[in-house]
N, C-alpha and C. Protein backbone atom coordinates (compact mmCIF):
# COMPACT_ATOMS: atom_id res chain seq x y z
N MET A 1 85.05 86.38 75.38
CA MET A 1 85.85 86.92 76.50
C MET A 1 85.85 87.81 77.79
N ALA A 2 84.16 88.29 77.47
CA ALA A 2 83.94 88.49 78.84
C ALA A 2 83.58 87.73 79.74
N GLU A 3 82.70 86.61 79.43
CA GLU A 3 82.57 85.61 80.27
C GLU A 3 83.78 84.47 81.06
N ALA A 4 85.04 84.73 80.05
CA ALA A 4 85.95 84.32 80.83
C ALA A 4 86.67 85.10 82.06
N PHE A 5 86.75 86.71 82.08
CA PHE A 5 87.14 87.35 82.98
C PHE A 5 85.96 86.78 84.21
N ASN A 6 84.93 87.52 84.27
CA ASN A 6 83.95 86.63 85.42
C ASN A 6 84.43 85.59 85.71
N GLU A 7 84.17 84.50 85.06
CA GLU A 7 84.97 83.38 85.68
C GLU A 7 85.91 82.93 86.54
N LEU A 8 87.12 83.84 86.09
CA LEU A 8 87.94 84.07 87.18
C LEU A 8 87.79 84.76 87.95
N VAL A 9 87.03 85.21 88.42
CA VAL A 9 87.17 85.75 89.52
C VAL A 9 85.69 85.20 90.37
N LEU A 10 85.91 84.23 91.14
CA LEU A 10 85.09 83.90 92.26
C LEU A 10 83.48 84.56 92.85
N PRO A 11 82.89 84.25 92.50
CA PRO A 11 81.80 85.48 93.56
C PRO A 11 82.11 85.07 95.11
N ASP A 12 82.43 84.27 95.96
CA ASP A 12 82.71 83.85 96.94
C ASP A 12 84.38 84.86 97.04
N ALA A 13 84.98 85.01 96.95
CA ALA A 13 86.35 85.48 96.63
C ALA A 13 86.39 86.47 96.71
N LYS A 14 85.29 87.20 95.31
CA LYS A 14 85.04 88.90 95.29
C LYS A 14 84.48 89.41 96.50
N ALA A 15 83.06 88.93 96.48
CA ALA A 15 82.55 89.07 98.09
C ALA A 15 83.29 89.31 99.36
N ALA A 16 84.43 88.76 99.61
CA ALA A 16 84.80 88.51 100.87
C ALA A 16 86.03 89.69 100.92
N ARG A 17 86.63 90.10 99.37
CA ARG A 17 87.71 91.33 98.95
C ARG A 17 86.74 92.26 99.38
N TYR A 18 85.23 92.62 99.02
CA TYR A 18 84.70 93.66 99.46
C TYR A 18 84.21 94.21 100.52
N ALA A 19 84.08 93.30 101.58
CA ALA A 19 83.75 93.07 102.76
C ALA A 19 84.98 93.42 103.25
N ALA A 20 85.88 92.95 103.15
CA ALA A 20 87.55 93.36 103.62
C ALA A 20 87.88 94.92 103.28
N VAL A 21 87.61 95.02 102.37
CA VAL A 21 88.27 96.36 101.68
C VAL A 21 86.57 97.74 102.26
N ALA A 22 85.87 97.33 102.81
CA ALA A 22 84.52 97.73 103.57
C ALA A 22 84.79 98.00 104.73
N GLU A 23 85.22 96.86 105.49
CA GLU A 23 85.74 97.12 106.65
C GLU A 23 87.09 98.20 107.09
N GLU A 24 87.88 97.97 105.95
CA GLU A 24 89.41 98.86 105.73
C GLU A 24 88.94 100.15 105.81
N ILE A 25 87.91 100.93 104.87
CA ILE A 25 87.52 102.04 104.58
C ILE A 25 86.89 102.48 105.71
N ALA A 26 86.54 101.81 106.54
CA ALA A 26 85.13 101.88 107.56
C ALA A 26 86.17 102.62 108.97
N ALA A 27 87.72 102.04 108.95
CA ALA A 27 88.49 101.63 110.06
C ALA A 27 89.66 103.21 109.44
N VAL A 28 89.56 103.35 108.33
CA VAL A 28 90.76 104.53 107.75
C VAL A 28 89.86 105.86 107.97
N LEU A 29 88.49 106.15 107.66
CA LEU A 29 87.51 106.73 107.34
C LEU A 29 86.91 107.30 109.19
N GLU A 30 87.15 106.45 109.95
CA GLU A 30 86.16 106.74 111.21
C GLU A 30 86.82 108.52 111.75
N GLY A 31 85.91 109.10 111.73
CA GLY A 31 85.95 110.20 112.70
C GLY A 31 86.80 111.35 111.41
N GLU A 32 86.66 110.91 110.13
CA GLU A 32 87.31 112.03 108.82
C GLU A 32 85.72 112.77 108.43
N PRO A 33 85.71 113.73 108.67
CA PRO A 33 84.66 114.52 108.27
C PRO A 33 84.76 115.09 106.88
N ASN A 34 85.86 115.77 106.52
CA ASN A 34 86.37 116.09 104.99
C ASN A 34 85.90 114.90 103.99
N LEU A 35 84.81 115.49 103.07
CA LEU A 35 84.46 114.98 102.20
C LEU A 35 85.45 114.37 100.94
N THR A 36 86.35 115.55 100.68
CA THR A 36 87.36 114.94 99.74
C THR A 36 88.42 114.39 100.32
N ALA A 37 88.51 114.09 101.16
CA ALA A 37 89.35 113.22 101.88
C ALA A 37 88.82 112.22 101.96
N ARG A 38 87.21 112.11 102.20
CA ARG A 38 86.74 110.46 101.91
C ARG A 38 86.67 109.71 100.22
N MET A 39 86.43 110.65 99.85
CA MET A 39 86.69 110.31 98.38
C MET A 39 87.79 109.80 97.84
N ALA A 40 89.07 110.68 98.22
CA ALA A 40 90.26 110.15 97.85
C ALA A 40 90.26 108.88 98.14
N THR A 41 89.85 108.39 99.72
CA THR A 41 90.67 107.64 100.61
C THR A 41 89.78 106.06 99.84
N VAL A 42 88.61 106.43 99.41
CA VAL A 42 87.43 105.42 98.93
C VAL A 42 87.74 104.91 97.54
N GLY A 43 88.52 105.74 96.93
CA GLY A 43 88.75 105.55 95.10
C GLY A 43 90.25 104.35 95.38
N SER A 44 91.23 105.26 96.27
CA SER A 44 92.35 104.41 96.12
C SER A 44 92.55 103.13 96.48
N MET A 45 91.70 102.99 97.90
CA MET A 45 91.52 101.66 98.71
C MET A 45 91.01 100.67 97.78
N LEU A 46 89.88 101.15 96.79
CA LEU A 46 89.33 100.28 95.84
C LEU A 46 89.56 100.29 94.53
N ALA A 47 90.46 100.83 94.42
CA ALA A 47 91.53 100.67 93.12
C ALA A 47 92.83 99.64 93.67
N ALA A 48 92.95 99.73 94.50
CA ALA A 48 94.38 98.99 95.02
C ALA A 48 93.90 97.52 94.95
N SER A 49 92.40 97.80 95.66
CA SER A 49 91.96 96.18 96.00
C SER A 49 91.47 95.12 94.70
N PHE A 50 91.35 95.57 93.80
CA PHE A 50 91.13 94.92 92.54
C PHE A 50 91.38 95.01 91.17
N GLU A 51 92.22 94.69 90.86
CA GLU A 51 93.55 94.24 89.44
C GLU A 51 92.58 95.05 88.51
N HIS A 52 91.38 94.29 88.27
CA HIS A 52 90.68 94.56 86.92
C HIS A 52 89.83 96.62 87.26
N TYR A 53 90.41 97.15 88.18
CA TYR A 53 89.89 98.52 88.27
C TYR A 53 90.97 98.92 87.29
N PHE A 54 90.76 99.72 86.10
CA PHE A 54 91.31 100.39 85.26
C PHE A 54 91.73 101.87 86.08
N TRP A 55 90.48 102.34 85.80
CA TRP A 55 89.83 103.77 86.77
C TRP A 55 88.88 103.88 87.61
N THR A 56 88.82 104.52 88.55
CA THR A 56 88.47 105.02 89.53
C THR A 56 88.52 106.12 90.17
N GLY A 57 86.73 106.51 90.55
CA GLY A 57 86.93 107.95 90.64
C GLY A 57 84.97 108.59 91.04
N PHE A 58 85.65 109.66 91.19
CA PHE A 58 84.19 110.36 91.58
C PHE A 58 84.37 111.91 90.45
N TYR A 59 82.70 112.01 90.29
CA TYR A 59 81.90 112.97 89.24
C TYR A 59 81.28 113.53 90.53
N LEU A 60 81.70 115.03 90.74
CA LEU A 60 80.70 115.22 91.54
C LEU A 60 79.57 116.90 91.00
N VAL A 61 78.34 116.88 91.89
CA VAL A 61 77.41 117.88 91.29
C VAL A 61 78.36 119.21 90.98
N ASP A 62 78.47 119.91 90.10
CA ASP A 62 78.97 121.43 90.32
C ASP A 62 77.64 122.02 90.97
N PRO A 63 77.72 122.82 91.90
CA PRO A 63 77.33 123.60 92.50
C PRO A 63 76.61 124.46 91.94
N GLY A 64 77.24 125.47 90.94
CA GLY A 64 77.64 125.98 89.92
C GLY A 64 76.41 126.38 88.90
N LYS A 65 76.70 124.67 88.92
CA LYS A 65 75.28 124.21 87.45
C LYS A 65 74.94 122.49 87.89
N PRO A 66 73.95 122.48 88.84
CA PRO A 66 73.65 121.18 89.57
C PRO A 66 73.05 120.82 88.28
N ASP A 67 72.88 120.76 87.10
CA ASP A 67 72.69 119.45 85.93
C ASP A 67 74.12 118.84 85.03
N GLU A 68 75.21 119.79 85.82
CA GLU A 68 76.62 119.25 85.11
C GLU A 68 77.32 118.68 86.53
N LEU A 69 77.83 117.38 85.66
CA LEU A 69 79.15 116.74 87.14
C LEU A 69 80.15 117.42 86.23
N VAL A 70 81.34 117.24 87.23
CA VAL A 70 82.78 118.05 87.41
C VAL A 70 83.69 117.19 88.20
N VAL A 71 84.75 116.48 87.40
CA VAL A 71 85.73 115.36 88.19
C VAL A 71 85.70 115.43 89.70
N GLY A 72 86.42 114.42 90.29
CA GLY A 72 86.70 114.79 91.73
C GLY A 72 87.63 113.83 91.74
N PRO A 73 88.04 113.55 92.78
CA PRO A 73 89.05 112.73 93.28
C PRO A 73 89.03 111.24 92.55
N TYR A 74 90.52 111.05 91.92
CA TYR A 74 89.91 109.58 90.97
C TYR A 74 91.38 109.25 91.18
N GLN A 75 91.69 108.04 90.73
CA GLN A 75 93.11 106.94 90.57
C GLN A 75 92.66 106.47 89.08
N GLY A 76 93.57 106.99 88.16
CA GLY A 76 94.07 106.48 86.67
C GLY A 76 94.73 107.64 86.06
N ALA A 77 94.07 107.47 84.64
CA ALA A 77 94.87 108.51 83.18
C ALA A 77 93.93 109.38 83.93
N LEU A 78 94.07 110.74 83.24
CA LEU A 78 93.25 111.93 83.05
C LEU A 78 91.94 111.46 82.66
N GLY A 79 90.80 111.93 83.44
CA GLY A 79 89.70 112.09 83.49
C GLY A 79 88.79 112.64 82.37
N CYS A 80 87.45 112.53 82.00
CA CYS A 80 86.91 113.90 81.02
C CYS A 80 86.28 115.08 82.85
N LEU A 81 86.89 115.86 82.39
CA LEU A 81 86.25 117.33 83.09
C LEU A 81 84.88 117.25 83.88
N ARG A 82 84.27 117.55 82.12
CA ARG A 82 82.91 117.64 82.93
C ARG A 82 81.77 116.80 82.26
N ILE A 83 80.58 116.37 82.76
CA ILE A 83 79.85 115.52 82.32
C ILE A 83 78.22 115.91 82.50
N ALA A 84 77.35 116.41 81.33
CA ALA A 84 76.54 116.82 81.76
C ALA A 84 75.40 115.43 82.27
N PHE A 85 74.19 115.81 82.64
CA PHE A 85 73.55 114.92 83.42
C PHE A 85 72.74 114.47 82.33
N GLY A 86 72.00 112.79 82.13
CA GLY A 86 71.91 112.21 80.90
C GLY A 86 73.29 111.80 80.18
N ARG A 87 74.07 112.14 79.93
CA ARG A 87 75.20 111.85 78.42
C ARG A 87 75.99 110.99 79.43
N GLY A 88 76.16 110.04 78.49
CA GLY A 88 76.83 108.65 79.05
C GLY A 88 77.11 108.25 79.98
N VAL A 89 78.00 107.43 80.49
CA VAL A 89 77.17 106.16 81.78
C VAL A 89 77.02 107.03 82.54
N CYS A 90 78.05 108.06 83.18
CA CYS A 90 77.88 108.85 84.37
C CYS A 90 76.79 109.73 84.26
N GLY A 91 76.34 110.24 83.34
CA GLY A 91 75.08 111.19 83.29
C GLY A 91 74.00 110.73 83.23
N THR A 92 73.83 109.04 82.72
CA THR A 92 72.63 108.67 82.89
C THR A 92 73.02 108.22 84.70
N ALA A 93 73.69 108.05 85.19
CA ALA A 93 73.48 107.41 86.42
C ALA A 93 73.22 108.75 87.33
N ALA A 94 73.91 109.68 86.73
CA ALA A 94 73.66 110.79 88.19
C ALA A 94 71.95 111.58 87.93
N ALA A 95 71.22 111.22 86.26
CA ALA A 95 70.19 111.74 85.73
C ALA A 95 68.99 110.85 86.48
N THR A 96 69.03 109.32 86.44
CA THR A 96 68.24 108.44 86.84
C THR A 96 68.57 107.66 88.35
N ARG A 97 69.52 108.38 89.35
CA ARG A 97 70.34 107.96 90.16
C ARG A 97 70.24 106.63 90.26
N THR A 98 70.59 105.70 89.75
CA THR A 98 70.71 104.55 89.26
C THR A 98 71.76 103.79 88.84
N THR A 99 72.48 102.69 89.49
CA THR A 99 73.65 102.06 89.16
C THR A 99 73.52 101.70 87.98
N GLN A 100 74.93 101.79 87.28
CA GLN A 100 74.77 101.68 85.90
C GLN A 100 75.53 100.98 85.76
N VAL A 101 75.39 99.18 85.19
CA VAL A 101 76.37 98.18 84.63
C VAL A 101 76.55 98.18 83.15
N VAL A 102 77.88 98.54 82.51
CA VAL A 102 77.66 98.24 81.21
C VAL A 102 78.55 97.56 80.69
N ASP A 103 78.50 96.46 80.24
CA ASP A 103 79.45 95.65 79.57
C ASP A 103 80.47 96.14 78.96
N ASP A 104 79.13 96.97 77.77
CA ASP A 104 80.53 97.09 76.30
C ASP A 104 80.34 98.80 77.02
N VAL A 105 81.32 99.63 76.54
CA VAL A 105 81.26 100.92 76.69
C VAL A 105 80.82 101.23 75.39
N GLY A 106 81.29 100.52 74.68
CA GLY A 106 81.07 101.10 72.89
C GLY A 106 79.35 100.81 72.59
N ALA A 107 78.78 100.20 73.12
CA ALA A 107 77.30 100.06 72.55
C ALA A 107 76.35 100.42 73.93
N PHE A 108 77.02 101.66 74.78
CA PHE A 108 76.25 102.15 75.39
C PHE A 108 75.68 104.16 74.73
N PRO A 109 74.80 104.25 74.66
CA PRO A 109 74.08 105.54 73.52
C PRO A 109 75.03 106.71 74.12
N GLY A 110 75.61 107.37 73.65
CA GLY A 110 76.36 108.25 73.78
C GLY A 110 77.32 107.90 74.97
N HIS A 111 78.08 106.68 74.92
CA HIS A 111 79.20 106.82 75.42
C HIS A 111 79.97 108.32 75.59
N ILE A 112 80.67 108.82 76.59
CA ILE A 112 82.45 109.63 76.32
C ILE A 112 83.66 108.53 76.54
N ALA A 113 83.87 108.66 75.75
CA ALA A 113 85.30 107.62 75.49
C ALA A 113 85.99 108.62 76.11
N CYS A 114 86.17 109.28 77.46
CA CYS A 114 87.64 109.58 78.14
C CYS A 114 88.99 109.03 77.77
N ASP A 115 88.91 108.00 77.97
CA ASP A 115 89.97 107.02 77.69
C ASP A 115 89.98 105.53 76.41
N SER A 116 90.05 105.18 75.71
CA SER A 116 89.60 104.75 74.48
C SER A 116 90.08 103.28 75.40
N ARG A 117 91.04 102.64 75.99
CA ARG A 117 91.42 101.69 77.00
C ARG A 117 89.99 101.15 77.52
N SER A 118 89.22 102.02 78.02
CA SER A 118 87.75 101.43 78.70
C SER A 118 87.36 100.76 78.05
N ALA A 119 86.67 99.58 78.68
CA ALA A 119 85.99 98.38 77.52
C ALA A 119 84.62 98.51 78.48
N SER A 120 84.46 98.17 79.81
CA SER A 120 83.46 98.17 80.66
C SER A 120 83.57 99.48 81.95
N GLU A 121 82.40 99.29 82.40
CA GLU A 121 82.66 100.29 83.36
C GLU A 121 80.73 100.23 84.04
N ILE A 122 81.08 100.37 85.53
CA ILE A 122 80.02 100.44 86.41
C ILE A 122 80.08 102.39 87.19
N VAL A 123 78.56 102.74 87.37
CA VAL A 123 78.74 103.94 87.81
C VAL A 123 77.66 104.21 88.86
N VAL A 124 78.57 104.69 90.09
CA VAL A 124 76.85 104.09 91.20
C VAL A 124 76.83 105.55 91.74
N PRO A 125 75.34 106.05 91.95
CA PRO A 125 75.09 107.42 92.24
C PRO A 125 75.64 107.57 93.57
N VAL A 126 76.38 108.63 94.29
CA VAL A 126 76.45 108.81 95.46
C VAL A 126 75.41 109.86 95.94
N ILE A 127 74.70 109.40 97.12
CA ILE A 127 73.66 109.95 97.58
C ILE A 127 74.14 110.27 99.22
N ASP A 128 73.68 111.79 100.01
CA ASP A 128 74.47 111.98 101.12
C ASP A 128 72.85 112.07 102.01
N ARG A 129 73.03 111.72 103.31
CA ARG A 129 72.01 111.43 104.29
C ARG A 129 70.63 111.93 104.52
N ALA A 130 70.76 113.54 103.66
CA ALA A 130 69.41 114.12 103.34
C ALA A 130 69.01 113.84 101.96
N GLY A 131 69.45 112.90 101.02
CA GLY A 131 69.20 112.13 99.99
C GLY A 131 69.69 112.96 99.07
N ALA A 132 70.38 113.87 98.97
CA ALA A 132 70.49 114.61 98.10
C ALA A 132 72.12 114.06 97.01
N LEU A 133 71.71 114.06 95.94
CA LEU A 133 73.08 113.36 94.95
C LEU A 133 74.13 114.25 95.08
N ILE A 134 75.08 113.87 96.35
CA ILE A 134 76.14 114.24 95.69
C ILE A 134 77.15 113.91 94.26
N GLY A 135 77.01 113.28 94.02
CA GLY A 135 77.80 112.58 92.68
C GLY A 135 77.73 111.18 92.71
N VAL A 136 78.60 110.86 91.30
CA VAL A 136 79.02 109.55 91.05
C VAL A 136 80.04 108.74 91.30
N PHE A 137 79.95 107.74 91.73
CA PHE A 137 81.70 106.99 91.67
C PHE A 137 81.77 106.31 90.40
N ASP A 138 82.54 105.72 89.50
CA ASP A 138 82.29 105.00 88.14
C ASP A 138 84.31 104.27 88.50
N VAL A 139 83.76 103.29 87.39
CA VAL A 139 85.10 102.83 87.62
C VAL A 139 85.18 101.95 86.56
N ASP A 140 86.36 101.80 86.05
CA ASP A 140 86.43 101.90 84.27
C ASP A 140 87.25 100.21 84.60
N SER A 141 86.80 99.73 83.17
CA SER A 141 87.91 98.35 83.25
C SER A 141 88.57 97.91 81.65
N GLU A 142 89.72 97.87 81.21
CA GLU A 142 89.83 96.92 80.28
C GLU A 142 89.15 96.25 80.12
N ALA A 143 89.06 95.16 80.74
CA ALA A 143 88.36 93.91 80.45
C ALA A 143 86.68 94.28 79.87
N PRO A 144 86.45 93.67 78.78
CA PRO A 144 84.67 93.93 78.56
C PRO A 144 83.83 92.86 79.84
N ALA A 145 82.80 93.50 79.97
CA ALA A 145 82.05 92.48 81.03
C ALA A 145 82.80 92.12 82.18
N ALA A 146 83.16 93.10 83.05
CA ALA A 146 84.00 93.16 84.25
C ALA A 146 83.53 93.32 85.61
N PHE A 147 81.93 93.60 85.17
CA PHE A 147 81.64 94.15 86.56
C PHE A 147 79.99 94.00 86.36
N ASP A 148 79.89 93.52 87.87
CA ASP A 148 78.15 92.29 87.33
C ASP A 148 77.35 92.70 88.69
N ASP A 149 76.08 92.40 89.26
CA ASP A 149 75.66 92.73 90.04
C ASP A 149 76.30 92.97 91.83
N LEU A 150 76.96 91.73 91.90
CA LEU A 150 77.77 91.70 93.06
C LEU A 150 78.79 92.90 92.87
N ASP A 151 79.35 93.63 92.26
CA ASP A 151 79.77 94.80 92.28
C ASP A 151 79.26 95.65 92.42
N ALA A 152 78.01 95.94 92.10
CA ALA A 152 77.05 97.07 92.21
C ALA A 152 76.41 96.76 93.80
N GLU A 153 76.37 95.49 93.89
CA GLU A 153 75.83 95.39 95.49
C GLU A 153 76.63 95.94 96.51
N TRP A 154 77.89 95.71 96.18
CA TRP A 154 78.60 95.98 97.13
C TRP A 154 79.27 97.78 97.05
N LEU A 155 79.31 98.01 95.79
CA LEU A 155 79.97 99.62 96.11
C LEU A 155 78.70 100.68 96.54
N GLU A 156 77.59 99.59 96.08
CA GLU A 156 76.45 100.72 96.56
C GLU A 156 76.49 100.22 98.06
N ARG A 157 76.72 99.62 98.73
CA ARG A 157 76.86 99.39 100.34
C ARG A 157 78.18 100.20 100.81
N ILE A 158 79.12 100.23 100.30
CA ILE A 158 80.58 100.95 100.51
C ILE A 158 79.79 102.58 99.85
N LEU A 159 79.68 102.60 99.67
CA LEU A 159 78.92 103.97 99.29
C LEU A 159 78.21 104.75 100.63
N LYS A 160 76.72 103.88 101.03
CA LYS A 160 75.84 104.67 101.50
C LYS A 160 76.86 104.28 102.84
N GLN A 161 77.69 103.43 103.15
CA GLN A 161 78.27 103.54 104.36
C GLN A 161 79.17 104.86 104.59
N VAL A 162 79.50 105.39 103.86
CA VAL A 162 80.67 106.43 103.77
C VAL A 162 80.29 108.21 103.83
N PHE A 163 78.95 107.78 102.85
CA PHE A 163 78.28 109.06 102.37
C PHE A 163 76.99 109.19 102.58
N GLY A 164 76.04 107.94 103.36
CA GLY A 164 74.59 108.11 103.10
C GLY A 164 74.91 108.38 104.90
């Protein structure tokens, strides 16, 4: 089933959709300095652009607890409120500052099941211009193996464009 999902999404079509939404996001956010508005817009526009995005949102570094993420703007069912660095997919992305592409969340060590319908996940660190970790951008899908290197490349590019 995992292969079947990715076979339905042609790489050229997916890349073209990411390119188009990246341009749309840049146009909408031009001149907008507010971080919350920027995050809400990115999450909303990406969620609306890809049918396999089940949950889309940000977890932010908590200034009062710098080794913990707290939920930020998101689209979807209730998200986990707090995630420790190193715990689950989001915490691992935050601790390592590397994008995590997980084909089967049930097989990920320490996975946090905020919603049992999630089958696969991609989490991208969000880094500001000074190189500080702002948080992570998390996307879940009900389909297994819904994300690949192309998703990682484009999400990293969009987040750098918006926050870096």
